[in-house]
Protein backbone atom coordinates (compact mmCIF):
# COMPACT_ATOMS: atom_id res chain seq x y z
CA MET A 1 12.86 8.19 19.18
CA LYS A 2 15.13 5.49 17.07
CA VAL A 3 12.68 4.39 14.64
CA LEU A 4 13.01 1.07 12.14
CA VAL A 5 11.01 1.35 8.82
CA THR A 6 10.94 -1.92 6.68
CA GLY A 7 10.10 -1.10 3.61
CA GLY A 8 11.88 2.62 4.65
CA GLY A 9 13.22 2.30 0.57
CA GLY A 10 10.40 1.88 -1.28
CA PHE A 11 6.81 4.18 -2.00
CA LEU A 12 5.13 4.60 1.15
CA GLY A 13 8.22 3.70 2.87
CA SER A 14 10.22 6.90 1.19
CA HIS A 15 7.83 9.65 2.36
CA VAL A 16 6.95 8.09 6.04
CA VAL A 17 11.25 8.70 6.29
CA GLU A 18 11.28 11.86 4.97
CA ARG A 19 8.71 13.09 7.47
CA LEU A 20 10.13 11.03 10.16
CA ARG A 21 13.68 12.74 9.69
CA THR A 22 11.98 15.91 9.30
CA ALA A 23 10.74 15.61 12.77
CA GLY A 24 14.30 14.54 13.95
CA HIS A 25 14.12 11.23 14.76
CA GLU A 26 16.68 8.86 14.33
CA VAL A 27 15.49 6.55 11.35
CA VAL A 28 17.06 2.99 10.08
CA VAL A 29 16.05 2.09 6.49
CA PRO A 30 17.29 -1.64 5.98
CA ARG A 31 18.52 -1.96 1.97
CA ARG A 32 17.16 -5.33 0.43
CA ALA A 33 20.68 -6.06 -0.90
CA ASP A 34 22.10 -6.11 3.18
CA VAL A 35 18.94 -7.55 4.67
CA ASP A 36 16.42 -9.70 3.49
CA LEU A 37 13.43 -9.92 5.84
CA THR A 38 12.37 -13.48 4.96
CA HIS A 39 15.38 -14.83 6.04
CA TRP A 40 14.88 -15.24 9.80
CA ASP A 41 19.00 -14.33 10.36
CA ASP A 42 19.11 -10.93 8.01
CA ALA A 43 16.42 -10.32 10.29
CA GLU A 44 17.53 -10.96 13.81
CA ARG A 45 20.88 -9.37 12.82
CA LEU A 46 19.01 -6.07 11.69
CA PHE A 47 16.73 -6.09 15.32
CA ALA A 48 19.78 -6.41 17.28
CA GLU A 49 22.35 -3.99 15.58
CA THR A 50 19.45 -0.95 15.73
CA ARG A 51 17.46 -1.72 18.75
CA PRO A 52 14.69 0.56 17.66
CA GLU A 53 12.06 1.82 20.12
CA LEU A 54 9.67 2.27 17.17
CA VAL A 55 9.07 0.01 13.98
CA TYR A 56 6.97 0.78 10.63
CA HIS A 57 6.58 -2.56 8.96
CA LEU A 58 5.91 -1.53 5.50
CA ALA A 59 7.97 -4.17 3.17
CA ALA A 60 6.21 -6.21 1.22
CA GLU A 61 6.30 -7.89 -1.75
CA VAL A 62 3.01 -6.53 -4.44
CA GLY A 63 1.96 -6.07 -7.63
CA GLY A 64 -0.95 -5.71 -9.94
CA ILE A 65 -3.26 -8.26 -11.46
CA GLY A 66 -0.53 -9.98 -13.38
CA ALA A 67 2.09 -10.10 -10.99
CA ASN A 68 -0.10 -11.24 -8.47
CA GLN A 69 -1.38 -14.07 -11.22
CA ALA A 70 2.71 -14.88 -12.05
CA ASN A 71 4.00 -14.80 -8.46
CA PRO A 72 0.77 -16.11 -5.74
CA GLY A 73 3.42 -18.70 -3.92
CA ARG A 74 5.93 -16.42 -3.74
CA TYR A 75 3.36 -13.21 -2.79
CA TRP A 76 2.00 -15.29 -0.22
CA LEU A 77 5.43 -16.66 1.64
CA ALA A 78 7.13 -13.41 1.43
CA ASN A 79 4.56 -11.35 3.44
CA LEU A 80 3.66 -14.07 5.58
CA LEU A 81 7.23 -14.89 6.72
CA MET A 82 8.49 -10.94 6.65
CA GLY A 83 5.21 -9.95 9.15
CA ALA A 84 6.04 -12.97 11.62
CA TYR A 85 9.38 -12.08 11.67
CA VAL A 86 9.05 -8.48 12.63
CA LEU A 87 6.39 -9.12 15.03
CA GLU A 88 8.19 -12.11 16.78
CA LEU A 89 11.47 -9.62 16.96
CA SER A 90 9.66 -6.62 17.56
CA ARG A 91 8.51 -8.81 21.22
CA LEU A 92 12.55 -10.73 21.60
CA HIS A 93 13.58 -6.79 21.61
CA GLY A 94 11.26 -4.99 23.31
CA VAL A 95 9.95 -2.52 20.92
CA GLY A 96 7.15 -0.12 22.16
CA LYS A 97 5.00 -0.38 19.43
CA VAL A 98 4.60 -1.76 15.71
CA VAL A 99 2.57 -0.14 13.19
CA VAL A 100 2.19 -2.42 10.31
CA ALA A 101 0.67 -1.71 6.35
CA GLY A 102 -1.78 -3.63 5.70
CA THR A 103 -3.70 -3.77 2.36
CA VAL A 104 -7.03 -3.75 0.89
CA CYS A 105 -6.88 -6.76 -0.94
CA ALA A 106 -7.80 -8.69 2.59
CA TYR A 107 -11.37 -7.69 2.20
CA PRO A 108 -13.73 -10.57 0.87
CA LYS A 109 -14.31 -10.10 -3.06
CA PHE A 110 -17.90 -9.30 -2.30
CA THR A 111 -17.85 -6.97 0.72
CA PRO A 112 -20.55 -4.72 0.72
CA THR A 113 -19.27 -1.12 -0.01
CA PRO A 114 -18.35 1.09 1.52
CA PHE A 115 -15.77 -1.61 3.18
CA ARG A 116 -15.75 -1.25 6.69
CA GLU A 117 -13.48 -3.09 9.08
CA ASP A 118 -15.78 -5.59 10.92
CA ASP A 119 -17.05 -7.37 7.52
CA LEU A 120 -12.72 -8.00 6.84
CA TRP A 121 -14.04 -12.09 7.69
CA ASN A 122 -16.93 -12.48 6.13
CA GLY A 123 -15.65 -13.88 2.70
CA TYR A 124 -12.61 -14.94 0.54
CA PRO A 125 -10.66 -11.70 -1.22
CA GLU A 126 -10.74 -11.50 -4.42
CA GLU A 127 -8.81 -14.96 -6.05
CA THR A 128 -6.42 -12.83 -8.09
CA ASN A 129 -4.45 -11.72 -4.98
CA ALA A 130 -5.92 -13.75 -2.34
CA PRO A 131 -2.91 -14.87 -1.36
CA TYR A 132 -0.91 -11.35 -0.44
CA GLY A 133 -4.54 -10.43 1.13
CA VAL A 134 -4.32 -13.81 3.14
CA ALA A 135 -0.87 -12.92 4.11
CA LYS A 136 -1.43 -10.00 5.02
CA LYS A 137 -4.74 -11.03 7.09
CA SER A 138 -2.55 -13.38 8.91
CA VAL A 139 0.04 -10.40 10.04
CA LEU A 140 -3.06 -8.95 11.52
CA VAL A 141 -4.19 -11.82 13.29
CA GLY A 142 -0.76 -12.27 14.84
CA GLY A 143 -0.48 -8.97 16.12
CA GLN A 144 -3.35 -9.13 18.05
CA ALA A 145 -1.98 -12.72 19.57
CA TYR A 146 0.98 -10.91 20.08
CA ARG A 147 -0.88 -8.21 22.69
CA ASP A 148 -2.95 -10.68 24.24
CA GLN A 149 -0.23 -12.61 24.95
CA TYR A 150 2.97 -10.47 25.15
CA GLY A 151 1.70 -7.09 25.59
CA LEU A 152 3.24 -5.79 22.09
CA ASN A 153 1.16 -2.55 21.12
CA THR A 154 0.64 -3.28 16.90
CA VAL A 155 -1.16 -1.32 15.03
CA PHE A 156 -2.94 -2.53 12.00
CA LEU A 157 -3.77 0.02 9.00
CA LEU A 158 -5.86 -0.95 6.01
CA PRO A 159 -4.54 1.33 2.95
CA ALA A 160 -6.67 2.21 -0.06
CA ASN A 161 -4.59 1.70 -3.40
CA LEU A 162 -1.92 3.99 -3.34
CA TYR A 163 -0.78 6.44 -5.97
CA GLY A 164 1.95 9.63 -5.85
CA PRO A 165 5.88 10.63 -6.89
CA ARG A 166 8.18 7.63 -6.34
CA ASP A 167 5.68 5.35 -7.72
CA ASN A 168 6.60 1.89 -9.23
CA PHE A 169 6.18 2.23 -13.09
CA ASP A 170 7.65 -0.46 -14.31
CA LEU A 171 5.29 -2.25 -16.80
CA GLU A 172 4.98 -5.87 -15.43
CA THR A 173 4.64 -4.98 -11.79
CA SER A 174 3.30 -1.80 -11.29
CA HIS A 175 -0.29 -1.15 -10.34
CA VAL A 176 -3.42 0.70 -12.56
CA ILE A 177 -2.00 4.58 -11.93
CA PRO A 178 1.58 4.34 -12.68
CA ALA A 179 1.01 2.01 -15.77
CA LEU A 180 -1.78 4.28 -17.29
CA ILE A 181 0.37 7.31 -16.98
CA ARG A 182 3.57 5.52 -18.41
CA LYS A 183 1.61 4.01 -21.11
CA MET A 184 -0.06 7.30 -22.11
CA LEU A 185 3.25 9.00 -21.76
CA GLU A 186 4.75 6.83 -24.09
CA GLY A 187 3.65 8.51 -26.99
CA THR A 188 1.13 5.48 -28.51
CA ASP A 189 -1.87 6.01 -30.49
CA GLU A 190 -3.04 3.17 -28.04
CA VAL A 191 -3.39 1.91 -25.04
CA VAL A 192 -4.66 -1.74 -24.04
CA LEU A 193 -6.24 -2.00 -20.26
CA TRP A 194 -7.72 -5.45 -18.40
CA GLY A 195 -11.36 -5.56 -18.01
CA ASP A 196 -13.83 -3.86 -19.04
CA GLY A 197 -13.45 -0.55 -17.17
CA SER A 198 -16.28 -1.24 -14.96
CA PRO A 199 -14.53 -2.32 -11.71
CA THR A 200 -14.47 0.92 -8.86
CA ARG A 201 -11.39 1.24 -7.20
CA GLU A 202 -10.18 3.95 -4.03
CA PHE A 203 -7.11 5.87 -4.42
CA LEU A 204 -5.37 7.36 -1.76
CA TYR A 205 -2.31 10.09 -2.63
CA VAL A 206 1.02 8.92 -0.90
CA ASP A 207 1.72 11.70 1.19
CA ASP A 208 -1.72 11.66 2.51
CA ALA A 209 -1.17 7.79 3.63
CA ALA A 210 2.24 8.96 5.25
CA THR A 211 0.43 11.38 7.39
CA ALA A 212 -2.41 8.67 8.29
CA PHE A 213 0.66 5.98 9.70
CA LEU A 214 2.26 8.88 11.69
CA LEU A 215 -0.95 9.99 13.26
CA ALA A 216 -1.24 6.42 14.13
CA ALA A 217 1.75 6.13 15.49
CA GLU A 218 1.40 9.08 17.57
CA ARG A 219 -2.19 9.01 18.68
CA TYR A 220 -3.57 5.10 18.11
CA ASP A 221 -3.27 2.20 20.50
CA GLY A 222 -5.86 -0.22 19.53
CA ALA A 223 -6.11 -4.01 18.33
CA ASP A 224 -8.67 -2.91 16.21
CA PRO A 225 -7.57 -2.70 12.30
CA VAL A 226 -8.28 0.49 10.38
CA ASN A 227 -9.00 1.58 7.36
CA VAL A 228 -7.40 4.15 5.70
CA GLY A 229 -8.54 6.13 2.54
CA THR A 230 -10.73 8.81 0.89
CA GLY A 231 -14.14 7.68 1.13
CA VAL A 232 -14.60 7.87 -2.83
CA GLU A 233 -14.62 5.44 -5.48
CA ILE A 234 -14.12 5.70 -9.10
CA SER A 235 -14.03 3.03 -12.04
CA ILE A 236 -11.15 1.90 -14.19
CA ARG A 237 -12.99 3.06 -17.43
CA GLU A 238 -13.43 6.76 -15.76
CA LEU A 239 -10.21 6.66 -14.01
CA ALA A 240 -8.40 6.23 -17.67
CA GLU A 241 -10.17 9.12 -19.02
CA THR A 242 -9.10 11.20 -16.41
CA ILE A 243 -5.39 10.20 -16.99
CA ALA A 244 -5.64 10.76 -20.44
CA ASP A 245 -7.54 13.92 -19.73
CA VAL A 246 -4.17 15.01 -17.33
CA THR A 247 -1.51 13.47 -19.53
CA GLY A 248 -2.74 15.10 -22.95
CA PHE A 249 -2.89 11.26 -24.38
CA THR A 250 -5.07 11.72 -27.54
CA GLY A 251 -4.69 7.87 -28.69
CA GLU A 252 -7.23 5.22 -28.33
CA ILE A 253 -7.91 3.09 -24.81
CA VAL A 254 -9.00 -0.76 -25.80
CA TRP A 255 -10.73 -3.12 -23.17
CA ASP A 256 -9.39 -6.50 -23.48
CA GLU A 257 -12.34 -8.14 -22.03
CA ASN A 258 -10.35 -11.69 -22.21
CA ARG A 259 -8.27 -10.46 -19.07
CA PRO A 260 -9.67 -10.43 -15.47
CA ASN A 261 -11.57 -7.42 -13.59
CA GLY A 262 -10.02 -8.37 -10.52
CA GLN A 263 -12.41 -7.09 -7.72
CA PRO A 264 -15.86 -5.80 -9.04
CA ARG A 265 -15.68 -3.05 -6.16
CA ARG A 266 -13.85 -1.42 -3.45
CA ARG A 267 -14.42 1.90 -1.41
CA LEU A 268 -13.74 2.02 2.21
CA GLU A 269 -15.64 3.50 5.45
CA THR A 270 -12.65 6.04 6.91
CA THR A 271 -14.94 6.83 9.68
CA ARG A 272 -12.41 4.81 12.04
CA ALA A 273 -9.01 6.44 11.09
CA GLU A 274 -11.08 10.11 12.04
CA GLU A 275 -12.60 9.30 15.45
CA LEU A 276 -9.95 7.33 16.63
CA PHE A 277 -6.97 9.35 15.36
CA GLY A 278 -7.73 12.23 13.71
CA PHE A 279 -6.93 11.35 9.74
CA ARG A 280 -8.75 12.87 6.93
CA ALA A 281 -7.76 12.60 3.36
CA GLN A 282 -6.78 15.92 1.77
CA THR A 283 -5.65 15.50 -1.96
CA SER A 284 -8.53 15.15 -4.25
CA LEU A 285 -7.82 12.51 -7.13
CA ARG A 286 -7.32 14.74 -9.85
CA ASP A 287 -5.03 16.99 -7.96
CA GLY A 288 -2.92 13.62 -6.93
CA LEU A 289 -2.96 12.37 -10.52
CA GLN A 290 -1.41 15.88 -11.76
CA ARG A 291 1.18 16.41 -9.21
CA THR A 292 2.23 12.17 -9.92
CA VAL A 293 2.45 13.36 -13.99
CA ASP A 294 4.36 16.80 -13.09
CA TRP A 295 7.08 14.36 -11.07
CA TYR A 296 7.29 11.74 -13.40
CA ARG A 297 7.50 14.30 -16.12
CA ARG A 298 10.84 15.72 -14.33
CA GLN A 299 12.06 12.61 -14.00
CA GLY A 300 12.95 12.35 -17.85
CA HIS A 301 9.45 10.76 -18.77
CA GLY A 302 7.13 11.46 -21.37
CA ASP A 303 6.59 14.94 -23.05
CA VAL A 304 8.81 16.95 -20.10
CA GLY A 305 8.23 19.77 -21.93
CA ARG A 306 4.26 20.02 -22.32
């Protein structure tokens, strides 16, 4: 099958592409330098030249709390345009199926835990990442609308926070796990973290996420969004202590309570994914963290000889 993977050179995308190629598919991975999916002409040229049968829309502009605060307009516009153009061009070019990566940031700020897919519209997202979350929810609505009007088979997955090898370790735009790993391996005596450490998050190892996306493409054809995660939450404070243990960091962890905490709790109800396409996460958080730290050290960062 000829498969287009937007964001195929990125974190989740690179793992999906690897698996697809191993399975024998012809995979198209557009480079950002050649194709800007926020520009219609670039996106249209990509679809016209490649004629994909299946599309994974994994491209996104995203970051941690600080990056979201600095780029709310950009994150809203870029993610909205990319999603809209991918749906419209998939319709125009007769794509058989589109698998879209949503975000847990789309859920309302005070969603009862565990987050159930039916709660997605019961409030406004947490303010620091609302523009990004709302843009992604708009793509969900677009996919459902295109299914109803044009018969475009669009599947929408809501993954938990991802982590693992090939993650973004840039401290300006990274999420909490790669940021903590990098800071704790840089040999500093003190690591300053935002908030008070009380919020909880759920983390999904990237290889498990890739499995979920492949299974959904193969087995699921429904309109309803589906959570993809582990169903296990951990406080940011406990996460920091675990990463300190895995990295061997012995310095002090300082909490800057003048900075925002973000959403108070996040944990997904994950039974729908298991029931609809047989996905269940296989990697424990500690094992995944160890693999991520080992990979990062092999890239020449931190104390490689530990």
